[in-house]
Structures are given as C-alpha cells and as structure tokens.
C-alpha cells in the first residue's frame, strides 16, 4: 500500500495537471477501485478544494474527499434536475440513504432529464452514477467519522431544498441579503463546520462548536461561496437563476447587449464587496481548531485562503476595483502555503495578511 505522504505528492501533482474543463470521462468510468476513484475524480468535482484536501492529515483527508464528493452529488441534483419537485425529492432521498446502519447504502437516486451543458456537468453526472464506489469508502470509516459526514449531508440537503423552494417561489431570484446569506451558509457554511469537526476529531478535541465558532464558520462559508456566485453570474442567468434581485428582468437572456453586461458587472461588484467584508472570520475559524505548531492542516487552510484571494484579486480587476499583488500560479500558491505547516506564526501571519488586503478592497473607492 502506498504511504499517504507519497500519495499526497501524487495528488498534488494530479491537481496541477488536471484539465477541469475537459475531464477524461472514459478513463474515470473504467476505475473500479473505490479509493482510486475517489482521488481520481476529486479534481474534477472540486476546484480549489481538491489540493487543499490532499494537504490535510491522513486521517482527515480521505473522509474529507468522500464528504466533498457527496456534497458535489447534492450540487448535481440541485443544478441539473429541472423539476423543483423531483429535485427536492432527490435531495431528500440522497440524504435519507445516509441514515442506514447497513454495511451498504441504498443506491443514489438517478438524475432524471439532466440539464447538463458541458464536460464538467457530465463528470458530475458520472460521479452520481458511480456513487456506489464512494459509498464503499464511506463504510470503512469509524462511527464518529461516518456521523460527521452524515450530519453534513443531511444539513446540506435540507438547505438545498430550502434554496430550491425559494428560487422557485420567487421566480428564480433571491430577493434580499438575508436570503443570499442563508443560501451561502447552506452550501458552504455547513462544509466549513464539517472541516472544523473532522480536524477536531483527528486531534482529539470536542466536536461541538460554540455559537461564536459556528457563526465564524458560517461567515467563512459565505466568504468562499460568494466566489462561486460572482464567477458564474452569466452562466446562472442563462439557466434562469440570479443571486442579485436587480438581475431578475434579465433571467434567461444571453450576454449580448452592453446594458446587460454593465448590469452584470454592477451586480458582481456588489457581491464582491459583500464577500470581502466577511474575510475577517477566516483566521478565527481556523484558530478554533487549536492546531499543533507543526501541522499540514494549517498549510491546507492557508492554501484555501490563497486560492480564494487569487480569485477575488482577478474579480476586483474585472470590475475596476484596486488590485493588490500576490502569487498567481498554483505552484506559487503551494510554495507560499507550505511554510505554514511548520510554524503557527507564519501561518497566522499569512492569513492575516490576506484578510487585511481583502478587507481593504471591500471598502475601497472605485
């Protein structure tokens, strides 16, 4: 069996080389070993999270990969099932299958009449079709690990059902900052809580978060999820979804006339400023885990923040806000993150530096 420290290097290299826009679907469909499939499809199911998971401690890395793939499956039902009724039934059925105490889980619900549009969507459909391989890894975990993953899947599914019903009732839009906050908390706040809990399990710490710790985790979820929201404004509009109520008249339209391009840019700037104002919770959330001075988990946390900072730097440039300097290539981000594995001081200093830049831009004049 390959030692995990060696596999980590292979996984990081795979993340550097993966073509996320054109995944090799035939090769992925041929993998029969459950753990090999988990690691092979992870870069195509995740964007920045894949490399961060590979950097986590061995006991936390594989459960985090499995949990992320389950979340991606839920996202696939939410994104690609057209009918709200069928979508919500699929989400609840997927969560319900996790409650079994049997050695094998029930089959994942199929994605009926999928609205897939590109190779990335088809990779996500393949993941749902091959959920049984991910399940075979899940059932090897100890009871505490399985329960943390179950909690995540149940909370995510219920949150996505709320989002589905809300979008449907409001004609495809969220109408307030509170609704947008709730949506982001469901989608990435819950996984942030999961990440804290799975690392606390690894280090033998209490699994229950205080109210303040949970709030910081939810703010981190908003901060990171708004990167996905701002990235996909035009794509979401085409499929009839908007996270900024001002874009409701533009639902279903192609990006063709200058006025629509301007409205998308204005919405992106509003969402960007909202995201950056939440950056200050990141260091507090990571500090709540009480990591040892030498910890690859801290390097993973720094890498996640640097990936997010890189995206927001590009987003700020796109909407005409001040742009700050920072590493751009994935290799440079890894090199900047790794020293945090050997020093709490270096890790905290890097996170606080990034937070300071992001908070400054959130309040900057255009």
Protein backbone atom coordinates (compact mmCIF):
# COMPACT_ATOMS: atom_id res chain seq x y z
CA UNK A 1 0.00 0.00 0.00
CA UNK A 2 1.36 3.44 -0.94
CA UNK A 3 2.15 5.53 2.20
CA UNK A 4 -0.04 8.64 2.35
CA UNK A 5 2.85 11.09 2.43
CA UNK A 6 3.88 9.76 -1.00
CA UNK A 7 0.31 9.66 -2.29
CA UNK A 8 -0.06 13.31 -1.21
CA UNK A 9 2.68 14.31 -3.65
CA UNK A 10 0.96 12.35 -6.43
CA UNK A 11 -2.38 14.00 -5.61
CA UNK A 12 -0.89 17.49 -5.62
CA UNK A 13 0.77 16.81 -8.98
CA UNK A 14 -2.51 15.49 -10.35
CA UNK A 15 -4.21 18.70 -9.24
CA UNK A 16 -1.62 20.78 -11.05
CA UNK A 17 -2.07 18.81 -14.28
CA UNK A 18 -5.83 18.12 -14.25
CA UNK A 19 -7.84 19.53 -17.15
CA UNK A 20 -11.02 20.51 -15.32
CA UNK A 21 -12.72 21.81 -18.44
CA UNK A 22 -12.27 18.52 -20.32
CA UNK A 23 -12.08 15.61 -17.87
CA UNK A 24 -11.19 12.19 -19.29
CA UNK A 25 -14.62 10.66 -18.70
CA UNK A 26 -13.84 7.30 -20.30
CA UNK A 27 -10.81 6.79 -18.06
CA UNK A 28 -12.79 7.80 -14.95
CA UNK A 29 -15.57 5.37 -15.87
CA UNK A 30 -13.08 2.49 -16.04
CA UNK A 31 -11.73 2.85 -12.48
CA UNK A 32 -13.05 0.05 -10.28
CA UNK A 33 -11.01 0.53 -7.10
CA UNK A 34 -13.12 2.69 -4.74
CA UNK A 35 -10.32 4.78 -3.20
CA UNK A 36 -8.59 5.25 -6.56
CA UNK A 37 -11.87 6.53 -7.99
CA UNK A 38 -12.33 8.98 -5.10
CA UNK A 39 -8.92 10.54 -5.64
CA UNK A 40 -9.13 10.45 -9.46
CA UNK A 41 -12.47 12.24 -9.74
CA UNK A 42 -11.90 14.71 -6.90
CA UNK A 43 -10.04 17.33 -9.03
CA UNK A 44 -12.98 17.27 -11.48
CA UNK A 45 -15.60 17.55 -8.74
CA UNK A 46 -13.74 20.30 -6.86
CA UNK A 47 -11.96 23.42 -7.98
CA UNK A 48 -9.64 24.68 -5.28
CA UNK A 49 -10.74 22.24 -2.58
CA UNK A 50 -9.05 19.23 -4.16
CA UNK A 51 -5.47 20.36 -3.49
CA UNK A 52 -6.44 21.57 -0.01
CA UNK A 53 -7.89 18.15 0.86
CA UNK A 54 -4.70 16.46 -0.37
CA UNK A 55 -2.72 18.57 2.13
CA UNK A 56 -4.82 17.51 5.12
CA UNK A 57 -3.63 14.93 7.71
CA UNK A 58 -4.09 11.33 6.56
CA UNK A 59 -6.98 10.53 8.92
CA UNK A 60 -8.88 13.63 7.77
CA UNK A 61 -8.00 13.68 4.06
CA UNK A 62 -9.93 10.66 2.78
CA UNK A 63 -13.10 11.39 4.84
CA UNK A 64 -12.93 14.99 3.58
CA UNK A 65 -12.63 13.77 -0.02
CA UNK A 66 -15.64 11.46 0.41
CA UNK A 67 -17.66 14.20 2.12
CA UNK A 68 -16.83 16.67 -0.65
CA UNK A 69 -17.90 14.17 -3.33
CA UNK A 70 -21.22 13.64 -1.54
CA UNK A 71 -21.69 17.43 -1.47
CA UNK A 72 -20.88 17.56 -5.19
CA UNK A 73 -23.55 14.92 -5.81
CA UNK A 74 -26.08 17.07 -3.94
CA UNK A 75 -24.96 20.07 -6.02
CA UNK A 76 -25.55 17.98 -9.15
CA UNK A 77 -29.17 17.31 -8.19
CA UNK A 78 -29.62 20.99 -7.39
CA UNK A 79 -28.01 22.20 -10.62
CA UNK A 80 -29.14 19.65 -13.20
CA UNK A 81 -32.57 18.31 -12.18
CA UNK A 82 -35.07 20.58 -13.91
CA UNK A 83 -38.24 19.94 -11.93
CA UNK A 84 -38.27 21.52 -8.43
CA UNK A 85 -40.42 18.66 -7.12
CA UNK A 86 -38.08 15.98 -8.47
CA UNK A 87 -35.03 17.97 -7.39
CA UNK A 88 -36.16 18.25 -3.77
CA UNK A 89 -37.25 14.60 -3.69
CA UNK A 90 -33.82 13.54 -4.98
CA UNK A 91 -32.00 15.68 -2.39
CA UNK A 92 -34.03 14.22 0.48
CA UNK A 93 -33.69 10.68 -0.84
CA UNK A 94 -29.92 11.07 -1.09
CA UNK A 95 -29.72 12.34 2.49
CA UNK A 96 -32.06 9.58 3.68
CA UNK A 97 -29.84 6.84 2.29
CA UNK A 98 -27.05 8.01 4.61
CA UNK A 99 -29.10 7.06 7.69
CA UNK A 100 -28.87 3.34 7.08
CA UNK A 101 -26.88 1.22 9.52
CA UNK A 102 -26.30 -1.48 6.92
CA UNK A 103 -22.86 -2.22 5.50
CA UNK A 104 -24.04 -0.95 2.10
CA UNK A 105 -26.00 2.21 1.38
CA UNK A 106 -29.04 2.34 -0.85
CA UNK A 107 -28.34 3.34 -4.48
CA UNK A 108 -28.12 7.07 -5.15
CA UNK A 109 -31.22 8.45 -6.91
CA UNK A 110 -30.64 8.83 -10.66
CA UNK A 111 -30.51 12.29 -12.21
CA UNK A 112 -33.57 12.28 -14.49
CA UNK A 113 -33.67 14.55 -17.56
CA UNK A 114 -30.39 16.22 -16.64
CA UNK A 115 -29.81 19.77 -17.88
CA UNK A 116 -26.10 19.15 -18.47
CA UNK A 117 -24.35 21.63 -20.73
CA UNK A 118 -20.63 20.77 -20.78
CA UNK A 119 -18.00 18.16 -19.91
CA UNK A 120 -17.79 19.32 -16.31
CA UNK A 121 -21.51 18.68 -15.87
CA UNK A 122 -21.08 15.24 -17.41
CA UNK A 123 -18.24 14.48 -14.96
CA UNK A 124 -20.61 15.34 -12.11
CA UNK A 125 -23.29 13.04 -13.59
CA UNK A 126 -20.70 10.26 -13.80
CA UNK A 127 -19.95 10.81 -10.12
CA UNK A 128 -23.63 10.29 -9.21
CA UNK A 129 -23.78 7.19 -11.40
CA UNK A 130 -20.73 5.76 -9.61
CA UNK A 131 -21.75 6.81 -6.10
CA UNK A 132 -21.52 3.16 -5.02
CA UNK A 133 -17.71 3.39 -5.23
CA UNK A 134 -17.67 6.40 -2.91
CA UNK A 135 -20.06 4.54 -0.59
CA UNK A 136 -17.63 1.62 -0.37
CA UNK A 137 -15.01 4.01 1.03
CA UNK A 138 -17.52 5.69 3.37
CA UNK A 139 -18.50 2.42 5.10
CA UNK A 140 -14.85 1.74 6.03
CA UNK A 141 -14.72 4.78 8.32
CA UNK A 142 -15.20 4.60 12.07
CA UNK A 143 -18.57 5.50 13.56
CA UNK A 144 -17.61 9.04 14.63
CA UNK A 145 -16.30 9.90 11.15
CA UNK A 146 -19.40 8.49 9.46
CA UNK A 147 -21.66 10.51 11.76
CA UNK A 148 -19.86 13.77 10.99
CA UNK A 149 -20.29 13.07 7.26
CA UNK A 150 -23.97 12.14 7.76
CA UNK A 151 -24.59 15.42 9.61
CA UNK A 152 -23.06 17.33 6.71
CA UNK A 153 -25.11 15.56 4.04
CA UNK A 154 -28.38 15.96 5.98
CA UNK A 155 -27.77 19.68 6.64
CA UNK A 156 -26.70 20.31 3.03
CA UNK A 157 -29.71 18.50 1.59
CA UNK A 158 -32.20 20.41 3.74
CA UNK A 159 -30.50 23.69 2.91
CA UNK A 160 -30.61 22.94 -0.80
CA UNK A 161 -34.31 22.05 -0.56
CA UNK A 162 -34.88 25.47 1.03
CA UNK A 163 -32.92 27.11 -1.80
CA UNK A 164 -34.82 25.18 -4.48
CA UNK A 165 -38.20 26.11 -2.99
CA UNK A 166 -37.16 29.74 -2.51
CA UNK A 167 -35.87 30.19 -6.04
CA UNK A 168 -38.98 28.51 -7.45
CA UNK A 169 -41.38 30.64 -5.38
CA UNK A 170 -39.55 33.88 -6.29
CA UNK A 171 -39.18 33.31 -10.00
CA UNK A 172 -35.52 32.30 -9.98
CA UNK A 173 -34.03 35.03 -7.75
CA UNK A 174 -33.01 35.69 -4.17
CA UNK A 175 -34.58 38.94 -3.06
CA UNK A 176 -32.52 40.02 -0.05
CA UNK A 177 -29.09 39.98 1.54
CA UNK A 178 -30.51 37.69 4.25
CA UNK A 179 -31.60 35.12 1.67
CA UNK A 180 -28.22 35.24 -0.05
CA UNK A 181 -26.52 34.76 3.31
CA UNK A 182 -28.74 31.77 4.10
CA UNK A 183 -28.03 30.24 0.70
CA UNK A 184 -24.24 30.54 1.15
CA UNK A 185 -24.43 29.12 4.66
CA UNK A 186 -26.31 26.08 3.41
CA UNK A 187 -23.90 25.48 0.52
CA UNK A 188 -20.50 26.19 2.12
CA UNK A 189 -21.11 27.14 5.74
CA UNK A 190 -22.10 23.55 6.53
CA UNK A 191 -18.96 22.12 4.84
CA UNK A 192 -16.85 24.60 6.83
CA UNK A 193 -18.40 23.29 10.05
CA UNK A 194 -17.65 19.77 8.78
CA UNK A 195 -13.99 20.67 8.12
CA UNK A 196 -13.54 22.02 11.63
CA UNK A 197 -15.22 18.97 13.18
CA UNK A 198 -13.26 16.40 11.17
CA UNK A 199 -9.97 18.05 12.14
CA UNK A 200 -11.02 18.27 15.78
CA UNK A 201 -11.77 14.54 15.65
CA UNK A 202 -8.25 13.96 14.30
CA UNK A 203 -6.71 15.96 17.15
CA UNK A 204 -8.99 14.57 19.88
CA UNK A 205 -10.84 17.85 20.51
CA UNK A 206 -14.55 18.49 21.30
CA UNK A 207 -16.73 18.09 18.20
CA UNK A 208 -19.42 20.57 19.25
CA UNK A 209 -18.84 24.18 18.15
CA UNK A 210 -19.77 27.12 20.36
CA UNK A 211 -22.25 29.64 18.95
CA UNK A 212 -19.40 32.05 18.17
CA UNK A 213 -17.35 29.33 16.47
CA UNK A 214 -20.32 28.23 14.37
CA UNK A 215 -21.00 31.83 13.33
CA UNK A 216 -17.39 32.28 12.20
CA UNK A 217 -17.65 29.02 10.22
CA UNK A 218 -20.81 30.26 8.53
CA UNK A 219 -19.18 33.60 7.67
CA UNK A 220 -16.28 31.70 6.10
CA UNK A 221 -18.84 29.74 4.10
CA UNK A 222 -20.37 32.98 2.82
CA UNK A 223 -16.94 34.40 2.01
CA UNK A 224 -15.91 31.35 -0.06
CA UNK A 225 -19.28 30.57 -1.69
CA UNK A 226 -19.64 34.12 -2.97
CA UNK A 227 -16.59 33.40 -5.13
CA UNK A 228 -18.67 30.77 -6.94
CA UNK A 229 -21.62 33.15 -7.16
CA UNK A 230 -19.62 36.01 -8.65
CA UNK A 231 -17.80 33.67 -11.04
CA UNK A 232 -20.98 32.23 -12.57
CA UNK A 233 -23.32 35.24 -12.84
CA UNK A 234 -23.72 35.00 -16.62
CA UNK A 235 -23.99 31.19 -16.67
CA UNK A 236 -26.61 31.31 -13.92
CA UNK A 237 -28.59 33.98 -15.77
CA UNK A 238 -28.77 31.76 -18.83
CA UNK A 239 -30.27 28.96 -16.76
CA UNK A 240 -32.75 31.31 -15.09
CA UNK A 241 -31.04 31.95 -11.74
CA UNK A 242 -29.90 35.24 -10.15
CA UNK A 243 -28.46 35.92 -6.71
CA UNK A 244 -28.92 39.69 -7.12
CA UNK A 245 -32.56 40.79 -7.36
CA UNK A 246 -31.63 43.61 -9.78
CA UNK A 247 -30.95 40.97 -12.45
CA UNK A 248 -34.43 39.42 -12.34
CA UNK A 249 -35.56 41.08 -15.60
CA UNK A 250 -32.54 39.52 -17.34
CA UNK A 251 -33.24 35.87 -16.43
CA UNK A 252 -32.73 33.52 -19.36
CA UNK A 253 -31.01 36.12 -21.51
CA UNK A 254 -27.74 35.70 -23.37
CA UNK A 255 -24.99 38.20 -22.65
CA UNK A 256 -25.30 40.29 -25.81
CA UNK A 257 -26.22 43.93 -25.22
CA UNK A 258 -23.95 46.45 -23.43
CA UNK A 259 -26.57 47.36 -20.82
CA UNK A 260 -26.84 43.76 -19.65
CA UNK A 261 -23.05 43.46 -19.49
CA UNK A 262 -22.97 46.60 -17.32
CA UNK A 263 -25.71 45.30 -15.01
CA UNK A 264 -23.84 42.02 -14.54
CA UNK A 265 -20.68 43.96 -13.73
CA UNK A 266 -22.53 46.12 -11.19
CA UNK A 267 -24.04 43.02 -9.56
CA UNK A 268 -20.62 41.34 -9.49
CA UNK A 269 -19.12 44.35 -7.71
CA UNK A 270 -21.90 44.41 -5.10
CA UNK A 271 -21.48 40.70 -4.42
CA UNK A 272 -17.69 41.01 -4.36
CA UNK A 273 -17.73 43.77 -1.74
CA UNK A 274 -20.16 41.72 0.36
CA UNK A 275 -17.86 38.69 0.14
CA UNK A 276 -14.69 40.55 1.06
CA UNK A 277 -16.30 42.15 4.11
CA UNK A 278 -16.57 38.64 5.59
CA UNK A 279 -12.88 37.75 5.22
CA UNK A 280 -12.04 38.60 8.82
CA UNK A 281 -13.70 35.42 10.12
CA UNK A 282 -11.23 33.10 8.39
CA UNK A 283 -8.32 33.21 10.86
CA UNK A 284 -10.71 32.97 13.82
CA UNK A 285 -12.36 29.87 12.34
CA UNK A 286 -9.03 28.11 11.76
CA UNK A 287 -7.74 29.12 15.21
CA UNK A 288 -10.77 27.42 16.80
CA UNK A 289 -9.26 24.04 15.84
CA UNK A 290 -6.17 24.61 18.02
CA UNK A 291 -3.74 23.01 15.58
CA UNK A 292 -0.26 21.97 16.79
CA UNK A 293 2.68 24.13 15.76
CA UNK A 294 3.65 21.61 13.06
CA UNK A 295 0.52 20.81 11.04
CA UNK A 296 -0.18 20.14 7.37
CA UNK A 297 -3.79 21.09 8.12
CA UNK A 298 -2.69 24.69 8.67
CA UNK A 299 -0.94 24.66 5.29
CA UNK A 300 -4.18 23.37 3.73
CA UNK A 301 -6.13 26.20 5.37
CA UNK A 302 -3.67 28.81 4.13
CA UNK A 303 -3.79 27.31 0.63
CA UNK A 304 -7.60 27.53 0.59
CA UNK A 305 -7.44 31.19 1.56
CA UNK A 306 -4.77 31.94 -1.05
CA UNK A 307 -6.83 30.25 -3.78
CA UNK A 308 -9.83 32.35 -2.75
CA UNK A 309 -7.72 35.51 -2.54
CA UNK A 310 -6.35 34.87 -6.05
CA UNK A 311 -9.85 34.58 -7.46
CA UNK A 312 -11.06 37.73 -5.70
CA UNK A 313 -7.99 39.62 -6.95
CA UNK A 314 -8.99 38.72 -10.51
CA UNK A 315 -12.60 39.60 -9.78
CA UNK A 316 -11.58 43.01 -8.39
CA UNK A 317 -9.58 43.66 -11.55
CA UNK A 318 -12.60 42.68 -13.66
CA UNK A 319 -14.93 45.20 -12.01
CA UNK A 320 -12.39 48.03 -11.75
CA UNK A 321 -11.54 47.90 -8.04
CA UNK A 322 -7.96 48.29 -6.74
CA UNK A 323 -5.81 45.21 -7.30
CA UNK A 324 -3.09 44.05 -4.91
CA UNK A 325 -0.06 41.87 -5.59
CA UNK A 326 0.03 38.18 -4.79
CA UNK A 327 1.04 34.75 -6.13
CA UNK A 328 -0.82 33.67 -9.27
CA UNK A 329 0.25 30.15 -10.32
CA UNK A 330 -0.93 27.12 -8.37
CA UNK A 331 2.69 26.15 -7.81
CA UNK A 332 3.39 29.60 -6.33
CA UNK A 333 0.37 29.27 -4.05
CA UNK A 334 1.61 25.89 -2.83
CA UNK A 335 5.08 27.30 -2.18
CA UNK A 336 3.55 30.19 -0.21
CA UNK A 337 1.37 27.83 1.85
CA UNK A 338 3.77 25.05 2.79
CA UNK A 339 5.83 27.03 5.39
CA UNK A 340 2.62 27.29 7.44
CA UNK A 341 2.86 23.53 8.03
CA UNK A 342 5.96 24.12 10.18
CA UNK A 343 5.05 27.32 12.01
CA UNK A 344 1.84 28.63 13.54
CA UNK A 345 3.31 32.15 13.48
CA UNK A 346 3.94 32.01 9.73
CA UNK A 347 0.51 30.55 9.03
CA UNK A 348 -1.37 33.13 11.08
CA UNK A 349 0.70 35.97 9.59
CA UNK A 350 -0.13 34.82 6.04
CA UNK A 351 -3.85 34.51 6.78
CA UNK A 352 -3.95 37.91 8.47
CA UNK A 353 -2.10 39.47 5.53
CA UNK A 354 -4.65 38.11 3.06
CA UNK A 355 -7.55 39.17 5.26
CA UNK A 356 -6.15 42.70 5.51
CA UNK A 357 -5.88 43.02 1.72
CA UNK A 358 -9.40 41.69 1.17
CA UNK A 359 -10.99 43.90 3.82
CA UNK A 360 -9.19 46.95 2.41
CA UNK A 361 -10.59 46.32 -1.08
CA UNK A 362 -14.11 45.73 0.25
CA UNK A 363 -14.22 49.37 1.37
CA UNK A 364 -12.10 50.89 -1.44
CA UNK A 365 -13.34 53.57 -3.81
CA UNK A 366 -13.78 52.52 -7.39
